[in-house]
Amino acid sequence: MKKLILYISILLVSLSASAQEINDLLHQYNKMTVPYITVQTLKMEYENYTILDTRKKPEYEVSHLPGAIWVGEKLDLELIDDISTEKPIVVYCSVGIRSEDYGEELLNAGFENVYNLYGSIFSWKDAGYNLVDPEGHDTDQVHVFSKAWEKYLKTGEKVY
C-alpha cells in the first residue's frame, strides 16, 4: 500500500510539474487571444464541440483526439467548408501554441465560439484521456513534434 501511495504521489508531482512547464511555455509564446478550454471541461462536454487538429498530417496520423478533424497548421477555408458553426470549435496541437495561431485565423475569418485546448494533446494524454489512431483504435502513441518538446509529455509512447 505504501508503494502505491508513493507511486501516486510521484505521478501527481510529475503531472503538476508538467502543467507548470506547459503554463510557462504558453505564457512565453502565446498572446492569449483565443480563450482556453481545459481538457477536463472538454472531456465532460465532448459532444458539444467540434474539435479541430491543427498539427501536421503525420502528427495527426500517429494519434489524435477521438472524432477530431484534421485541418493542418494554416487556415484553409476549403478544408473547413463543411464544419458546422452551430457548435463551439476547439482547436488543438501539441501544447497549444500552433493552435492559438489557427484559432486567431478562425476568429479573423468571422468564426465565433473558438477555444484553444489548454496544453493540447499533451495535457489530454497526461490527464489519462484516450487517443485514437487513423483506424479509430485506442493508442498510447503521441507524436511529440521534436526532441525539444518531448519533455512536456509525461505519459504515453513518444513518437517522432
N, C-alpha and C. Protein backbone atom coordinates (compact mmCIF):
# COMPACT_ATOMS: atom_id res chain seq x y z
N MET A 1 0.82 -1.19 0.00
CA MET A 1 0.00 0.00 0.00
C MET A 1 0.87 1.26 0.00
N LYS A 2 1.96 1.23 0.78
CA LYS A 2 2.84 2.38 0.84
C LYS A 2 3.48 2.65 -0.53
N LYS A 3 3.82 1.56 -1.26
CA LYS A 3 4.40 1.73 -2.59
C LYS A 3 3.40 2.37 -3.54
N LEU A 4 2.14 1.97 -3.43
CA LEU A 4 1.10 2.54 -4.29
C LEU A 4 0.92 4.02 -4.00
N ILE A 5 0.89 4.39 -2.74
CA ILE A 5 0.77 5.80 -2.36
C ILE A 5 1.97 6.59 -2.84
N LEU A 6 3.15 6.02 -2.71
CA LEU A 6 4.37 6.68 -3.18
C LEU A 6 4.31 6.87 -4.70
N TYR A 7 3.90 5.85 -5.43
CA TYR A 7 3.80 5.93 -6.88
C TYR A 7 2.80 7.01 -7.30
N ILE A 8 1.64 7.03 -6.65
CA ILE A 8 0.63 8.03 -6.96
C ILE A 8 1.15 9.43 -6.65
N SER A 9 1.84 9.58 -5.55
CA SER A 9 2.41 10.88 -5.18
C SER A 9 3.42 11.36 -6.21
N ILE A 10 4.29 10.45 -6.64
CA ILE A 10 5.30 10.80 -7.66
C ILE A 10 4.60 11.19 -8.96
N LEU A 11 3.59 10.43 -9.34
CA LEU A 11 2.86 10.73 -10.56
C LEU A 11 2.20 12.11 -10.48
N LEU A 12 1.56 12.40 -9.35
CA LEU A 12 0.90 13.70 -9.20
C LEU A 12 1.89 14.85 -9.22
N VAL A 13 3.03 14.69 -8.60
CA VAL A 13 4.07 15.73 -8.64
C VAL A 13 4.57 15.91 -10.06
N SER A 14 4.77 14.82 -10.77
CA SER A 14 5.24 14.87 -12.16
C SER A 14 4.23 15.59 -13.04
N LEU A 15 2.94 15.24 -12.90
CA LEU A 15 1.92 15.88 -13.72
C LEU A 15 1.77 17.35 -13.35
N SER A 16 1.91 17.67 -12.08
CA SER A 16 1.84 19.06 -11.64
C SER A 16 3.00 19.86 -12.23
N ALA A 17 4.20 19.27 -12.25
CA ALA A 17 5.36 19.93 -12.85
C ALA A 17 5.13 20.11 -14.35
N SER A 18 4.55 19.10 -15.00
CA SER A 18 4.25 19.18 -16.42
C SER A 18 3.30 20.33 -16.70
N ALA A 19 2.26 20.45 -15.88
CA ALA A 19 1.28 21.52 -16.07
C ALA A 19 1.95 22.88 -15.92
N GLN A 20 2.86 23.02 -14.94
CA GLN A 20 3.57 24.28 -14.75
C GLN A 20 4.47 24.58 -15.94
N GLU A 21 5.16 23.55 -16.46
CA GLU A 21 6.03 23.75 -17.62
C GLU A 21 5.21 24.21 -18.82
N ILE A 22 4.08 23.58 -19.06
CA ILE A 22 3.23 23.97 -20.19
C ILE A 22 2.68 25.36 -19.97
N ASN A 23 2.28 25.68 -18.74
CA ASN A 23 1.80 27.01 -18.42
C ASN A 23 2.86 28.06 -18.76
N ASP A 24 4.10 27.81 -18.34
CA ASP A 24 5.20 28.74 -18.64
C ASP A 24 5.40 28.88 -20.14
N LEU A 25 5.35 27.77 -20.84
CA LEU A 25 5.54 27.76 -22.29
C LEU A 25 4.45 28.58 -22.99
N LEU A 26 3.20 28.37 -22.60
CA LEU A 26 2.09 29.10 -23.21
C LEU A 26 2.19 30.60 -22.93
N HIS A 27 2.60 30.96 -21.74
CA HIS A 27 2.75 32.38 -21.43
C HIS A 27 3.93 33.00 -22.18
N GLN A 28 4.91 32.18 -22.51
CA GLN A 28 6.06 32.69 -23.26
C GLN A 28 5.72 32.92 -24.73
N TYR A 29 4.97 32.00 -25.34
CA TYR A 29 4.74 32.06 -26.78
C TYR A 29 3.37 32.57 -27.22
N ASN A 30 2.37 32.47 -26.38
CA ASN A 30 1.02 32.85 -26.78
C ASN A 30 0.67 34.26 -26.34
N LYS A 31 -0.27 34.84 -27.05
CA LYS A 31 -0.77 36.18 -26.72
C LYS A 31 -2.10 36.10 -25.99
N MET A 32 -2.60 34.89 -25.77
CA MET A 32 -3.87 34.63 -25.08
C MET A 32 -5.04 35.30 -25.82
N THR A 33 -4.99 35.27 -27.14
CA THR A 33 -6.02 35.88 -27.97
C THR A 33 -7.20 34.95 -28.25
N VAL A 34 -7.01 33.67 -27.99
CA VAL A 34 -8.08 32.69 -28.17
C VAL A 34 -8.35 32.11 -26.79
N PRO A 35 -9.58 32.20 -26.31
CA PRO A 35 -9.85 31.69 -24.96
C PRO A 35 -9.54 30.21 -24.83
N TYR A 36 -9.04 29.84 -23.67
CA TYR A 36 -8.71 28.45 -23.42
C TYR A 36 -9.93 27.68 -22.92
N ILE A 37 -9.89 26.37 -23.19
CA ILE A 37 -10.80 25.42 -22.57
C ILE A 37 -9.91 24.34 -21.97
N THR A 38 -10.22 23.88 -20.78
CA THR A 38 -9.40 22.85 -20.14
C THR A 38 -9.75 21.48 -20.71
N VAL A 39 -8.81 20.56 -20.57
CA VAL A 39 -9.08 19.19 -21.03
C VAL A 39 -10.23 18.57 -20.23
N GLN A 40 -10.34 18.93 -18.97
CA GLN A 40 -11.40 18.39 -18.13
C GLN A 40 -12.78 18.89 -18.60
N THR A 41 -12.88 20.17 -18.91
CA THR A 41 -14.14 20.72 -19.40
C THR A 41 -14.51 20.09 -20.74
N LEU A 42 -13.54 20.00 -21.64
CA LEU A 42 -13.82 19.39 -22.94
C LEU A 42 -14.27 17.95 -22.76
N LYS A 43 -13.60 17.20 -21.91
CA LYS A 43 -13.97 15.80 -21.70
C LYS A 43 -15.41 15.67 -21.20
N MET A 44 -15.81 16.54 -20.29
CA MET A 44 -17.15 16.46 -19.72
C MET A 44 -18.24 16.85 -20.73
N GLU A 45 -17.89 17.71 -21.68
CA GLU A 45 -18.88 18.23 -22.63
C GLU A 45 -18.50 17.91 -24.07
N TYR A 46 -17.80 16.80 -24.27
CA TYR A 46 -17.16 16.47 -25.54
C TYR A 46 -18.08 16.58 -26.75
N GLU A 47 -19.28 16.05 -26.63
CA GLU A 47 -20.20 16.00 -27.77
C GLU A 47 -20.72 17.39 -28.16
N ASN A 48 -20.47 18.38 -27.32
CA ASN A 48 -20.96 19.73 -27.60
C ASN A 48 -20.00 20.56 -28.45
N TYR A 49 -18.85 19.99 -28.82
CA TYR A 49 -17.82 20.75 -29.54
C TYR A 49 -17.44 20.08 -30.86
N THR A 50 -17.02 20.92 -31.80
CA THR A 50 -16.34 20.46 -33.00
C THR A 50 -14.85 20.61 -32.71
N ILE A 51 -14.09 19.54 -32.90
CA ILE A 51 -12.68 19.53 -32.50
C ILE A 51 -11.80 19.48 -33.74
N LEU A 52 -10.89 20.46 -33.84
CA LEU A 52 -10.01 20.58 -34.99
C LEU A 52 -8.56 20.36 -34.58
N ASP A 53 -7.89 19.45 -35.27
CA ASP A 53 -6.48 19.15 -35.05
C ASP A 53 -5.67 20.03 -35.99
N THR A 54 -4.84 20.90 -35.44
CA THR A 54 -4.10 21.87 -36.23
C THR A 54 -2.62 21.51 -36.38
N ARG A 55 -2.32 20.24 -36.24
CA ARG A 55 -0.93 19.79 -36.39
C ARG A 55 -0.67 19.35 -37.83
N LYS A 56 0.56 18.97 -38.09
CA LYS A 56 0.91 18.42 -39.40
C LYS A 56 0.25 17.05 -39.55
N LYS A 57 -0.03 16.67 -40.79
CA LYS A 57 -0.73 15.40 -41.06
C LYS A 57 -0.01 14.19 -40.43
N PRO A 58 1.33 14.08 -40.53
CA PRO A 58 1.98 12.92 -39.89
C PRO A 58 1.77 12.86 -38.38
N GLU A 59 1.64 14.00 -37.72
CA GLU A 59 1.36 14.02 -36.28
C GLU A 59 -0.04 13.47 -36.01
N TYR A 60 -1.00 13.95 -36.79
CA TYR A 60 -2.39 13.50 -36.67
C TYR A 60 -2.51 12.01 -36.92
N GLU A 61 -1.73 11.50 -37.87
CA GLU A 61 -1.83 10.08 -38.22
C GLU A 61 -1.25 9.16 -37.15
N VAL A 62 -0.40 9.68 -36.28
CA VAL A 62 0.08 8.87 -35.15
C VAL A 62 -1.05 8.71 -34.15
N SER A 63 -1.68 9.81 -33.77
CA SER A 63 -2.82 9.78 -32.86
C SER A 63 -3.49 11.15 -32.84
N HIS A 64 -4.74 11.13 -32.42
CA HIS A 64 -5.50 12.37 -32.29
C HIS A 64 -6.65 12.15 -31.33
N LEU A 65 -7.29 13.23 -30.94
CA LEU A 65 -8.46 13.11 -30.09
C LEU A 65 -9.58 12.44 -30.89
N PRO A 66 -10.38 11.60 -30.23
CA PRO A 66 -11.47 10.92 -30.95
C PRO A 66 -12.38 11.92 -31.66
N GLY A 67 -12.66 11.64 -32.92
CA GLY A 67 -13.56 12.49 -33.69
C GLY A 67 -12.97 13.79 -34.17
N ALA A 68 -11.71 14.05 -33.87
CA ALA A 68 -11.08 15.31 -34.30
C ALA A 68 -10.95 15.34 -35.82
N ILE A 69 -11.09 16.52 -36.37
CA ILE A 69 -10.96 16.74 -37.81
C ILE A 69 -9.61 17.37 -38.07
N TRP A 70 -8.81 16.75 -38.95
CA TRP A 70 -7.51 17.32 -39.28
C TRP A 70 -7.70 18.50 -40.23
N VAL A 71 -7.10 19.64 -39.86
CA VAL A 71 -7.20 20.84 -40.70
C VAL A 71 -5.84 21.45 -41.04
N GLY A 72 -4.77 20.94 -40.46
CA GLY A 72 -3.44 21.47 -40.74
C GLY A 72 -3.14 22.73 -39.95
N GLU A 73 -1.95 23.27 -40.20
CA GLU A 73 -1.46 24.40 -39.40
C GLU A 73 -1.94 25.76 -39.88
N LYS A 74 -2.30 25.87 -41.13
CA LYS A 74 -2.76 27.15 -41.69
C LYS A 74 -4.21 27.03 -42.13
N LEU A 75 -4.98 28.05 -41.87
CA LEU A 75 -6.39 28.04 -42.21
C LEU A 75 -6.59 27.91 -43.72
N ASP A 76 -7.32 26.88 -44.11
CA ASP A 76 -7.73 26.65 -45.49
C ASP A 76 -9.25 26.53 -45.45
N LEU A 77 -9.93 27.57 -45.89
CA LEU A 77 -11.39 27.60 -45.79
C LEU A 77 -12.05 26.43 -46.50
N GLU A 78 -11.41 25.88 -47.52
CA GLU A 78 -11.97 24.72 -48.21
C GLU A 78 -11.99 23.49 -47.31
N LEU A 79 -10.97 23.35 -46.45
CA LEU A 79 -10.92 22.20 -45.55
C LEU A 79 -12.01 22.26 -44.47
N ILE A 80 -12.44 23.45 -44.14
CA ILE A 80 -13.43 23.57 -43.07
C ILE A 80 -14.80 23.99 -43.59
N ASP A 81 -14.98 23.91 -44.89
CA ASP A 81 -16.23 24.33 -45.54
C ASP A 81 -17.45 23.60 -44.97
N ASP A 82 -17.30 22.34 -44.62
CA ASP A 82 -18.42 21.53 -44.14
C ASP A 82 -18.61 21.57 -42.62
N ILE A 83 -17.76 22.31 -41.93
CA ILE A 83 -17.83 22.33 -40.47
C ILE A 83 -18.99 23.21 -40.02
N SER A 84 -19.82 22.64 -39.17
CA SER A 84 -20.96 23.37 -38.63
C SER A 84 -20.48 24.44 -37.66
N THR A 85 -21.08 25.60 -37.77
CA THR A 85 -20.75 26.67 -36.83
C THR A 85 -21.78 26.72 -35.69
N GLU A 86 -22.67 25.73 -35.64
CA GLU A 86 -23.66 25.68 -34.57
C GLU A 86 -23.02 25.26 -33.25
N LYS A 87 -21.96 24.46 -33.33
CA LYS A 87 -21.24 24.04 -32.13
C LYS A 87 -20.01 24.92 -31.96
N PRO A 88 -19.60 25.17 -30.70
CA PRO A 88 -18.33 25.85 -30.49
C PRO A 88 -17.19 24.98 -31.05
N ILE A 89 -16.11 25.62 -31.45
CA ILE A 89 -14.96 24.93 -32.04
C ILE A 89 -13.81 24.93 -31.05
N VAL A 90 -13.17 23.77 -30.90
CA VAL A 90 -11.96 23.65 -30.10
C VAL A 90 -10.81 23.30 -31.04
N VAL A 91 -9.74 24.08 -30.96
CA VAL A 91 -8.54 23.80 -31.75
C VAL A 91 -7.46 23.27 -30.81
N TYR A 92 -6.63 22.37 -31.32
CA TYR A 92 -5.52 21.87 -30.52
C TYR A 92 -4.35 21.50 -31.41
N CYS A 93 -3.17 21.42 -30.79
CA CYS A 93 -1.94 20.97 -31.46
C CYS A 93 -1.18 20.11 -30.44
N SER A 94 0.11 20.31 -30.29
CA SER A 94 0.87 19.55 -29.30
C SER A 94 0.67 20.10 -27.89
N VAL A 95 0.95 21.40 -27.72
CA VAL A 95 0.80 22.02 -26.40
C VAL A 95 -0.11 23.24 -26.40
N GLY A 96 -0.44 23.79 -27.56
CA GLY A 96 -1.36 24.91 -27.62
C GLY A 96 -0.84 26.17 -28.26
N ILE A 97 0.33 26.11 -28.87
CA ILE A 97 0.91 27.30 -29.50
C ILE A 97 0.43 27.44 -30.94
N ARG A 98 0.63 26.41 -31.73
CA ARG A 98 0.17 26.44 -33.12
C ARG A 98 -1.34 26.57 -33.19
N SER A 99 -2.03 25.94 -32.26
CA SER A 99 -3.49 26.02 -32.27
C SER A 99 -3.99 27.43 -31.96
N GLU A 100 -3.25 28.19 -31.16
CA GLU A 100 -3.65 29.58 -30.94
C GLU A 100 -3.58 30.35 -32.26
N ASP A 101 -2.51 30.14 -33.02
CA ASP A 101 -2.39 30.81 -34.32
C ASP A 101 -3.57 30.46 -35.22
N TYR A 102 -3.93 29.19 -35.26
CA TYR A 102 -5.05 28.74 -36.09
C TYR A 102 -6.36 29.34 -35.57
N GLY A 103 -6.52 29.34 -34.27
CA GLY A 103 -7.72 29.93 -33.67
C GLY A 103 -7.86 31.41 -34.00
N GLU A 104 -6.74 32.13 -33.99
CA GLU A 104 -6.76 33.55 -34.38
C GLU A 104 -7.23 33.70 -35.82
N GLU A 105 -6.75 32.82 -36.70
CA GLU A 105 -7.16 32.87 -38.10
C GLU A 105 -8.66 32.61 -38.23
N LEU A 106 -9.18 31.65 -37.46
CA LEU A 106 -10.62 31.38 -37.47
C LEU A 106 -11.42 32.61 -37.01
N LEU A 107 -10.98 33.21 -35.93
CA LEU A 107 -11.66 34.40 -35.42
C LEU A 107 -11.63 35.53 -36.43
N ASN A 108 -10.48 35.73 -37.06
CA ASN A 108 -10.34 36.78 -38.08
C ASN A 108 -11.21 36.50 -39.31
N ALA A 109 -11.50 35.22 -39.55
CA ALA A 109 -12.34 34.83 -40.70
C ALA A 109 -13.83 34.92 -40.35
N GLY A 110 -14.14 35.33 -39.13
CA GLY A 110 -15.53 35.52 -38.75
C GLY A 110 -16.15 34.42 -37.91
N PHE A 111 -15.38 33.40 -37.57
CA PHE A 111 -15.90 32.34 -36.71
C PHE A 111 -16.02 32.87 -35.28
N GLU A 112 -17.02 32.39 -34.58
CA GLU A 112 -17.21 32.75 -33.18
C GLU A 112 -17.14 31.48 -32.34
N ASN A 113 -17.06 31.64 -31.05
CA ASN A 113 -17.02 30.48 -30.15
C ASN A 113 -15.88 29.53 -30.49
N VAL A 114 -14.69 30.07 -30.57
CA VAL A 114 -13.47 29.29 -30.84
C VAL A 114 -12.66 29.24 -29.55
N TYR A 115 -12.22 28.03 -29.20
CA TYR A 115 -11.44 27.81 -27.99
C TYR A 115 -10.16 27.05 -28.30
N ASN A 116 -9.11 27.36 -27.56
CA ASN A 116 -7.83 26.67 -27.67
C ASN A 116 -7.73 25.69 -26.51
N LEU A 117 -7.48 24.42 -26.81
CA LEU A 117 -7.37 23.40 -25.76
C LEU A 117 -6.08 23.63 -24.98
N TYR A 118 -6.24 23.97 -23.70
CA TYR A 118 -5.10 24.30 -22.86
C TYR A 118 -4.18 23.09 -22.68
N GLY A 119 -2.95 23.21 -23.15
CA GLY A 119 -1.99 22.11 -23.07
C GLY A 119 -2.16 21.10 -24.19
N SER A 120 -3.20 21.26 -24.97
CA SER A 120 -3.49 20.47 -26.17
C SER A 120 -3.37 18.97 -25.97
N ILE A 121 -2.87 18.25 -26.98
CA ILE A 121 -2.88 16.79 -26.94
C ILE A 121 -1.99 16.25 -25.81
N PHE A 122 -0.92 16.99 -25.45
CA PHE A 122 -0.05 16.52 -24.37
C PHE A 122 -0.83 16.50 -23.05
N SER A 123 -1.54 17.57 -22.75
CA SER A 123 -2.31 17.62 -21.49
C SER A 123 -3.47 16.64 -21.53
N TRP A 124 -4.06 16.46 -22.70
CA TRP A 124 -5.15 15.48 -22.85
C TRP A 124 -4.65 14.09 -22.47
N LYS A 125 -3.52 13.70 -23.04
CA LYS A 125 -2.95 12.37 -22.76
C LYS A 125 -2.50 12.28 -21.31
N ASP A 126 -1.84 13.32 -20.81
CA ASP A 126 -1.35 13.30 -19.44
C ASP A 126 -2.48 13.24 -18.42
N ALA A 127 -3.68 13.69 -18.80
CA ALA A 127 -4.84 13.60 -17.91
C ALA A 127 -5.46 12.21 -17.93
N GLY A 128 -4.93 11.33 -18.79
CA GLY A 128 -5.42 9.96 -18.83
C GLY A 128 -6.53 9.71 -19.83
N TYR A 129 -6.80 10.68 -20.71
CA TYR A 129 -7.87 10.53 -21.69
C TYR A 129 -7.35 9.83 -22.93
N ASN A 130 -8.25 9.14 -23.64
CA ASN A 130 -7.81 8.30 -24.75
C ASN A 130 -7.55 9.07 -26.03
N LEU A 131 -6.64 8.53 -26.80
CA LEU A 131 -6.32 8.99 -28.14
C LEU A 131 -6.58 7.84 -29.08
N VAL A 132 -6.80 8.16 -30.35
CA VAL A 132 -7.04 7.13 -31.35
C VAL A 132 -6.08 7.27 -32.52
N ASP A 133 -5.86 6.13 -33.20
CA ASP A 133 -5.05 6.12 -34.42
C ASP A 133 -5.98 6.36 -35.61
N PRO A 134 -5.46 6.39 -36.84
CA PRO A 134 -6.32 6.66 -38.00
C PRO A 134 -7.48 5.68 -38.19
N GLU A 135 -7.35 4.47 -37.65
CA GLU A 135 -8.43 3.48 -37.76
C GLU A 135 -9.44 3.60 -36.62
N GLY A 136 -9.21 4.53 -35.71
CA GLY A 136 -10.13 4.72 -34.59
C GLY A 136 -9.86 3.85 -33.38
N HIS A 137 -8.72 3.15 -33.38
CA HIS A 137 -8.35 2.31 -32.24
C HIS A 137 -7.60 3.12 -31.20
N ASP A 138 -7.84 2.82 -29.94
CA ASP A 138 -7.11 3.48 -28.86
C ASP A 138 -5.61 3.23 -29.03
N THR A 139 -4.83 4.27 -28.72
CA THR A 139 -3.38 4.15 -28.80
C THR A 139 -2.74 5.00 -27.71
N ASP A 140 -1.56 4.58 -27.28
CA ASP A 140 -0.77 5.36 -26.32
C ASP A 140 0.26 6.23 -27.02
N GLN A 141 0.38 6.08 -28.33
CA GLN A 141 1.39 6.84 -29.08
C GLN A 141 0.97 8.30 -29.24
N VAL A 142 1.96 9.18 -29.08
CA VAL A 142 1.75 10.61 -29.27
C VAL A 142 2.96 11.15 -30.03
N HIS A 143 2.70 11.83 -31.13
CA HIS A 143 3.79 12.50 -31.85
C HIS A 143 4.18 13.72 -31.03
N VAL A 144 5.46 13.81 -30.67
CA VAL A 144 5.90 14.88 -29.77
C VAL A 144 6.50 16.08 -30.49
N PHE A 145 6.36 16.14 -31.80
CA PHE A 145 6.77 17.27 -32.63
C PHE A 145 8.29 17.32 -32.79
N SER A 146 9.05 17.28 -31.70
CA SER A 146 10.51 17.30 -31.79
C SER A 146 11.11 16.82 -30.47
N LYS A 147 12.39 16.52 -30.49
CA LYS A 147 13.09 16.11 -29.26
C LYS A 147 12.99 17.19 -28.18
N ALA A 148 13.02 18.44 -28.59
CA ALA A 148 12.98 19.54 -27.63
C ALA A 148 11.63 19.60 -26.91
N TRP A 149 10.57 19.15 -27.54
CA TRP A 149 9.23 19.25 -26.97
C TRP A 149 8.82 17.99 -26.21
N GLU A 150 9.59 16.90 -26.33
CA GLU A 150 9.19 15.64 -25.71
C GLU A 150 9.05 15.75 -24.20
N LYS A 151 9.80 16.63 -23.57
CA LYS A 151 9.77 16.73 -22.10
C LYS A 151 8.42 17.21 -21.57
N TYR A 152 7.60 17.80 -22.42
CA TYR A 152 6.31 18.30 -21.98
C TYR A 152 5.23 17.21 -21.94
N LEU A 153 5.52 16.06 -22.54
CA LEU A 153 4.59 14.92 -22.46
C LEU A 153 5.12 13.97 -21.39
N LYS A 154 4.32 13.72 -20.38
CA LYS A 154 4.76 12.89 -19.26
C LYS A 154 4.26 11.45 -19.35
N THR A 155 3.27 11.18 -20.19
CA THR A 155 2.72 9.83 -20.30
C THR A 155 2.69 9.42 -21.77
N GLY A 156 2.40 8.18 -22.03
CA GLY A 156 2.26 7.72 -23.40
C GLY A 156 3.60 7.35 -24.04
N GLU A 157 3.50 6.83 -25.26
CA GLU A 157 4.67 6.43 -26.03
C GLU A 157 5.02 7.55 -27.01
N LYS A 158 6.20 8.10 -26.84
CA LYS A 158 6.63 9.25 -27.65
C LYS A 158 7.08 8.79 -29.04
N VAL A 159 6.55 9.46 -30.06
CA VAL A 159 6.87 9.17 -31.45
C VAL A 159 7.38 10.44 -32.10
N TYR A 160 8.39 10.30 -32.99
CA TYR A 160 8.99 11.47 -33.65
C TYR A 160 8.74 11.44 -35.14
